[in-house]
Amino acid sequence: MSTETPKVPGAPRRLAWLVIPLLLLAIVSNYDNVVRMVRGEATPGGTPAPSPRIQPARQITIEIPEDRGPREAKVKLEVFLMPSAPCDCSVEDAALGESVGRLDPQRLRVAFWDLTKPEAAQRMKAVGVPVPCIGFAVNGHYKFRVPSTLPGPKETRKVDFLAHERSWTYEDVYEALAQQYEAAYHQAPPFDRARLVKDVSAAVKRAYAKAAPGSAVPSRVH
């Protein structure tokens, strides 16, 4: 018996050599569509696959609190707020301002600014911030050097209470106030760090539950 491998008939072999280049040409000419199909960005018919529906940011509305504390107070906390915004920063800062104001109602003034009003924009420029931003300042200062709580050789770090990146803590707020109390009254505030952190954290939790239910409470809340 012969062991020779049967040869492919001439006609089918010629047809295969004709079809293979055509297939390769089709793949190359439709490379972009093939890639989109693999990624799930298009259907086999060439129609772009529907993109995930992006939910619009939820608009959160707050009431601008009333100012508190005597106008002649030597330490002043100014809180800049947006009454309606697609973020919850104003919720936290309004609660913070009201809570801090209750800690020393005799020697601490807390003023709340509505950033939709022109006088608030003018005040921000006077403080040194050209673009209105949610946040706060203490005696006209919004940048402070505070004791560092991070591991490492640095004993202090800089914080910015009017930066878009909210990297400060409630302990930092206390340190800023304490510095201004020392400068204005030559003594420490009548409340300690733990009291401020506890009161502000509780106030912020309540404010989020009321104005922004379901929103993530800031990680700095203890």
Protein backbone atom coordinates (compact mmCIF):
# COMPACT_ATOMS: atom_id res chain seq x y z
CA MET A 1 0.00 0.00 0.00
CA SER A 2 1.31 3.46 -0.84
CA THR A 3 1.88 5.87 2.14
CA GLU A 4 1.98 9.00 0.00
CA THR A 5 -0.27 11.82 1.31
CA PRO A 6 -3.16 12.51 -1.01
CA LYS A 7 -2.76 15.74 -2.87
CA VAL A 8 -5.40 18.47 -2.67
CA PRO A 9 -7.15 18.74 -5.99
CA GLY A 10 -5.93 21.64 -8.05
CA ALA A 11 -9.18 23.64 -8.20
CA PRO A 12 -9.90 23.76 -4.42
CA ARG A 13 -6.26 24.62 -3.76
CA ARG A 14 -6.38 27.51 -6.17
CA LEU A 15 -9.66 28.67 -4.60
CA ALA A 16 -8.08 28.67 -1.12
CA TRP A 17 -5.18 30.79 -2.33
CA LEU A 18 -7.71 33.25 -3.74
CA VAL A 19 -10.03 33.42 -0.68
CA ILE A 20 -7.34 33.81 2.01
CA PRO A 21 -5.91 37.10 0.63
CA LEU A 22 -9.47 38.45 0.27
CA LEU A 23 -10.20 37.66 3.92
CA LEU A 24 -7.00 39.33 5.03
CA LEU A 25 -7.85 42.38 2.94
CA ALA A 26 -11.32 42.57 4.49
CA ILE A 27 -9.90 42.42 8.03
CA VAL A 28 -7.33 45.12 7.30
CA SER A 29 -9.86 47.44 5.66
CA ASN A 30 -12.24 47.06 8.62
CA TYR A 31 -9.60 47.01 11.34
CA ASP A 32 -11.15 49.84 13.35
CA ASN A 33 -14.57 48.17 13.41
CA VAL A 34 -13.05 44.85 14.43
CA VAL A 35 -11.20 46.52 17.32
CA ARG A 36 -14.37 48.30 18.48
CA MET A 37 -16.29 45.00 18.37
CA VAL A 38 -13.62 43.30 20.48
CA ARG A 39 -13.78 46.16 22.98
CA GLY A 40 -17.58 46.06 23.02
CA GLU A 41 -17.83 49.53 21.52
CA ALA A 42 -19.68 48.41 18.39
CA THR A 43 -22.10 45.69 17.35
CA PRO A 44 -21.35 43.20 14.52
CA GLY A 45 -23.47 45.35 12.19
CA GLY A 46 -21.11 48.28 12.71
CA THR A 47 -23.46 50.32 14.90
CA PRO A 48 -21.70 51.90 17.89
CA ALA A 49 -22.62 50.14 21.11
CA PRO A 50 -24.63 52.31 23.51
CA SER A 51 -22.40 53.99 26.08
CA PRO A 52 -23.26 53.71 29.78
CA ARG A 53 -25.75 56.35 30.86
CA ILE A 54 -24.05 58.97 32.99
CA GLN A 55 -26.22 60.26 35.77
CA PRO A 56 -26.12 64.04 36.19
CA ALA A 57 -24.61 65.36 39.42
CA ARG A 58 -27.20 65.87 42.12
CA GLN A 59 -27.84 69.51 42.99
CA ILE A 60 -27.65 70.07 46.75
CA THR A 61 -29.30 73.12 48.28
CA ILE A 62 -28.64 74.61 51.70
CA GLU A 63 -29.72 77.67 53.63
CA ILE A 64 -27.01 80.20 54.34
CA PRO A 65 -26.84 80.41 58.16
CA GLU A 66 -27.12 83.65 60.07
CA ASP A 67 -23.91 85.26 61.31
CA ARG A 68 -23.18 84.67 64.97
CA GLY A 69 -20.95 86.18 67.64
CA PRO A 70 -20.11 89.83 68.42
CA ARG A 71 -18.97 92.04 65.55
CA GLU A 72 -16.13 93.38 67.71
CA ALA A 73 -14.65 89.91 68.29
CA LYS A 74 -10.93 89.76 67.58
CA VAL A 75 -11.11 86.31 66.00
CA LYS A 76 -13.34 85.94 62.95
CA LEU A 77 -14.16 82.81 61.00
CA GLU A 78 -15.52 83.60 57.53
CA VAL A 79 -17.31 80.79 55.72
CA PHE A 80 -17.90 81.03 51.96
CA LEU A 81 -20.85 78.97 50.73
CA MET A 82 -22.89 78.21 47.61
CA PRO A 83 -26.61 77.94 48.37
CA SER A 84 -27.03 75.44 45.52
CA ALA A 85 -24.26 73.37 43.95
CA PRO A 86 -23.59 69.90 42.49
CA CYS A 87 -21.36 69.10 45.47
CA ASP A 88 -21.81 68.80 49.22
CA CYS A 89 -18.89 71.01 50.34
CA SER A 90 -21.24 73.75 51.53
CA VAL A 91 -23.09 71.25 53.70
CA GLU A 92 -19.92 70.48 55.65
CA ASP A 93 -18.64 74.05 55.88
CA ALA A 94 -21.96 75.52 57.01
CA ALA A 95 -22.22 72.91 59.77
CA LEU A 96 -18.60 73.52 60.73
CA GLY A 97 -19.12 77.26 61.01
CA GLU A 98 -22.25 76.97 63.14
CA SER A 99 -20.64 74.40 65.42
CA VAL A 100 -17.45 76.43 65.91
CA GLY A 101 -19.51 79.54 66.64
CA ARG A 102 -21.19 77.80 69.55
CA LEU A 103 -17.82 77.01 71.17
CA ASP A 104 -17.07 80.63 72.07
CA PRO A 105 -20.06 82.90 71.42
CA GLN A 106 -18.49 85.83 73.30
CA ARG A 107 -15.11 86.24 71.60
CA LEU A 108 -15.54 84.51 68.23
CA ARG A 109 -17.36 85.96 65.25
CA VAL A 110 -18.58 83.63 62.48
CA ALA A 111 -19.70 85.27 59.24
CA PHE A 112 -21.32 83.34 56.38
CA TRP A 113 -20.92 84.58 52.82
CA ASP A 114 -23.24 83.72 49.91
CA LEU A 115 -20.98 83.23 46.87
CA THR A 116 -23.82 84.15 44.50
CA LYS A 117 -23.69 87.71 45.85
CA PRO A 118 -21.19 90.27 44.48
CA GLU A 119 -20.08 91.33 47.95
CA ALA A 120 -18.88 87.78 48.63
CA ALA A 121 -16.74 87.82 45.48
CA GLN A 122 -15.31 91.17 46.55
CA ARG A 123 -14.47 89.80 49.97
CA MET A 124 -12.74 86.79 48.45
CA LYS A 125 -10.57 89.08 46.34
CA ALA A 126 -9.72 91.08 49.47
CA VAL A 127 -8.68 87.84 51.17
CA GLY A 128 -6.49 87.03 48.17
CA VAL A 129 -8.52 84.47 46.23
CA PRO A 130 -9.35 85.69 42.70
CA VAL A 131 -11.83 82.92 41.90
CA PRO A 132 -14.76 82.39 44.31
CA CYS A 133 -14.46 79.06 46.08
CA ILE A 134 -16.30 77.21 48.85
CA GLY A 135 -14.24 77.18 52.03
CA PHE A 136 -13.30 79.42 54.90
CA ALA A 137 -10.72 81.81 56.31
CA VAL A 138 -9.69 82.83 59.82
CA ASN A 139 -8.95 86.53 60.35
CA GLY A 140 -8.48 86.93 56.61
CA HIS A 141 -6.02 84.02 56.34
CA TYR A 142 -6.80 80.76 54.57
CA LYS A 143 -3.32 79.22 54.39
CA PHE A 144 -1.76 77.98 57.62
CA ARG A 145 1.20 75.92 58.74
CA VAL A 146 0.03 73.37 61.28
CA PRO A 147 1.60 70.44 63.15
CA SER A 148 1.96 67.45 60.87
CA THR A 149 0.07 64.29 61.76
CA LEU A 150 1.69 62.33 58.93
CA PRO A 151 4.63 59.95 59.49
CA GLY A 152 7.95 61.42 58.41
CA PRO A 153 10.62 63.93 59.36
CA LYS A 154 8.48 67.03 58.76
CA GLU A 155 7.00 68.45 61.95
CA THR A 156 4.62 70.85 60.19
CA ARG A 157 2.71 71.04 56.94
CA LYS A 158 0.75 73.64 54.98
CA VAL A 159 -3.03 73.59 54.68
CA ASP A 160 -5.27 75.66 52.44
CA PHE A 161 -8.88 76.05 53.56
CA LEU A 162 -9.92 77.56 50.21
CA ALA A 163 -8.31 75.01 47.89
CA HIS A 164 -10.47 72.80 45.67
CA GLU A 165 -8.65 69.80 47.10
CA ARG A 166 -10.01 69.54 50.62
CA SER A 167 -7.02 67.91 52.32
CA TRP A 168 -7.40 69.57 55.74
CA THR A 169 -8.71 68.00 58.94
CA TYR A 170 -10.78 69.31 61.84
CA GLU A 171 -7.60 69.21 63.93
CA ASP A 172 -6.12 71.65 61.39
CA VAL A 173 -9.10 73.96 61.88
CA TYR A 174 -8.42 74.00 65.62
CA GLU A 175 -4.73 74.79 65.07
CA ALA A 176 -5.58 77.71 62.79
CA LEU A 177 -8.04 79.13 65.30
CA ALA A 178 -5.59 78.61 68.17
CA GLN A 179 -2.91 80.57 66.32
CA GLN A 180 -5.28 83.49 65.84
CA TYR A 181 -6.48 83.35 69.47
CA GLU A 182 -2.85 83.57 70.61
CA ALA A 183 -2.22 86.52 68.29
CA ALA A 184 -5.41 88.40 69.22
CA TYR A 185 -6.04 87.47 72.86
CA HIS A 186 -2.60 86.16 73.90
CA GLN A 187 -4.15 82.96 75.17
CA ALA A 188 -5.49 79.63 73.91
CA PRO A 189 -9.14 79.22 72.89
CA PRO A 190 -11.58 78.35 75.71
CA PHE A 191 -12.08 74.95 74.06
CA ASP A 192 -9.57 72.24 73.28
CA ARG A 193 -8.89 70.30 70.10
CA ALA A 194 -10.88 67.24 71.14
CA ARG A 195 -13.97 69.34 71.89
CA LEU A 196 -13.89 71.05 68.51
CA VAL A 197 -13.38 67.79 66.62
CA LYS A 198 -16.20 66.06 68.52
CA ASP A 199 -18.70 68.91 68.12
CA VAL A 200 -17.93 69.59 64.46
CA SER A 201 -18.04 65.89 63.54
CA ALA A 202 -21.46 65.48 65.15
CA ALA A 203 -22.77 68.64 63.47
CA VAL A 204 -21.52 67.57 60.03
CA LYS A 205 -23.13 64.13 60.38
CA ARG A 206 -26.47 65.73 61.23
CA ALA A 207 -26.17 68.19 58.34
CA TYR A 208 -25.45 65.43 55.82
CA ALA A 209 -28.37 63.36 57.06
CA LYS A 210 -30.67 66.35 56.53
CA ALA A 211 -29.36 68.08 53.39
CA ALA A 212 -27.63 65.25 51.54
CA PRO A 213 -29.06 61.88 52.66
CA GLY A 214 -27.12 59.01 51.17
CA SER A 215 -24.02 61.10 50.49
CA ALA A 216 -20.68 59.89 51.82
CA VAL A 217 -19.75 61.74 54.98
CA PRO A 218 -16.20 63.20 54.76
CA SER A 219 -13.53 60.82 56.02
CA ARG A 220 -12.28 63.48 58.46
CA VAL A 221 -15.48 63.05 60.49
CA HIS A 222 -14.52 61.10 63.61
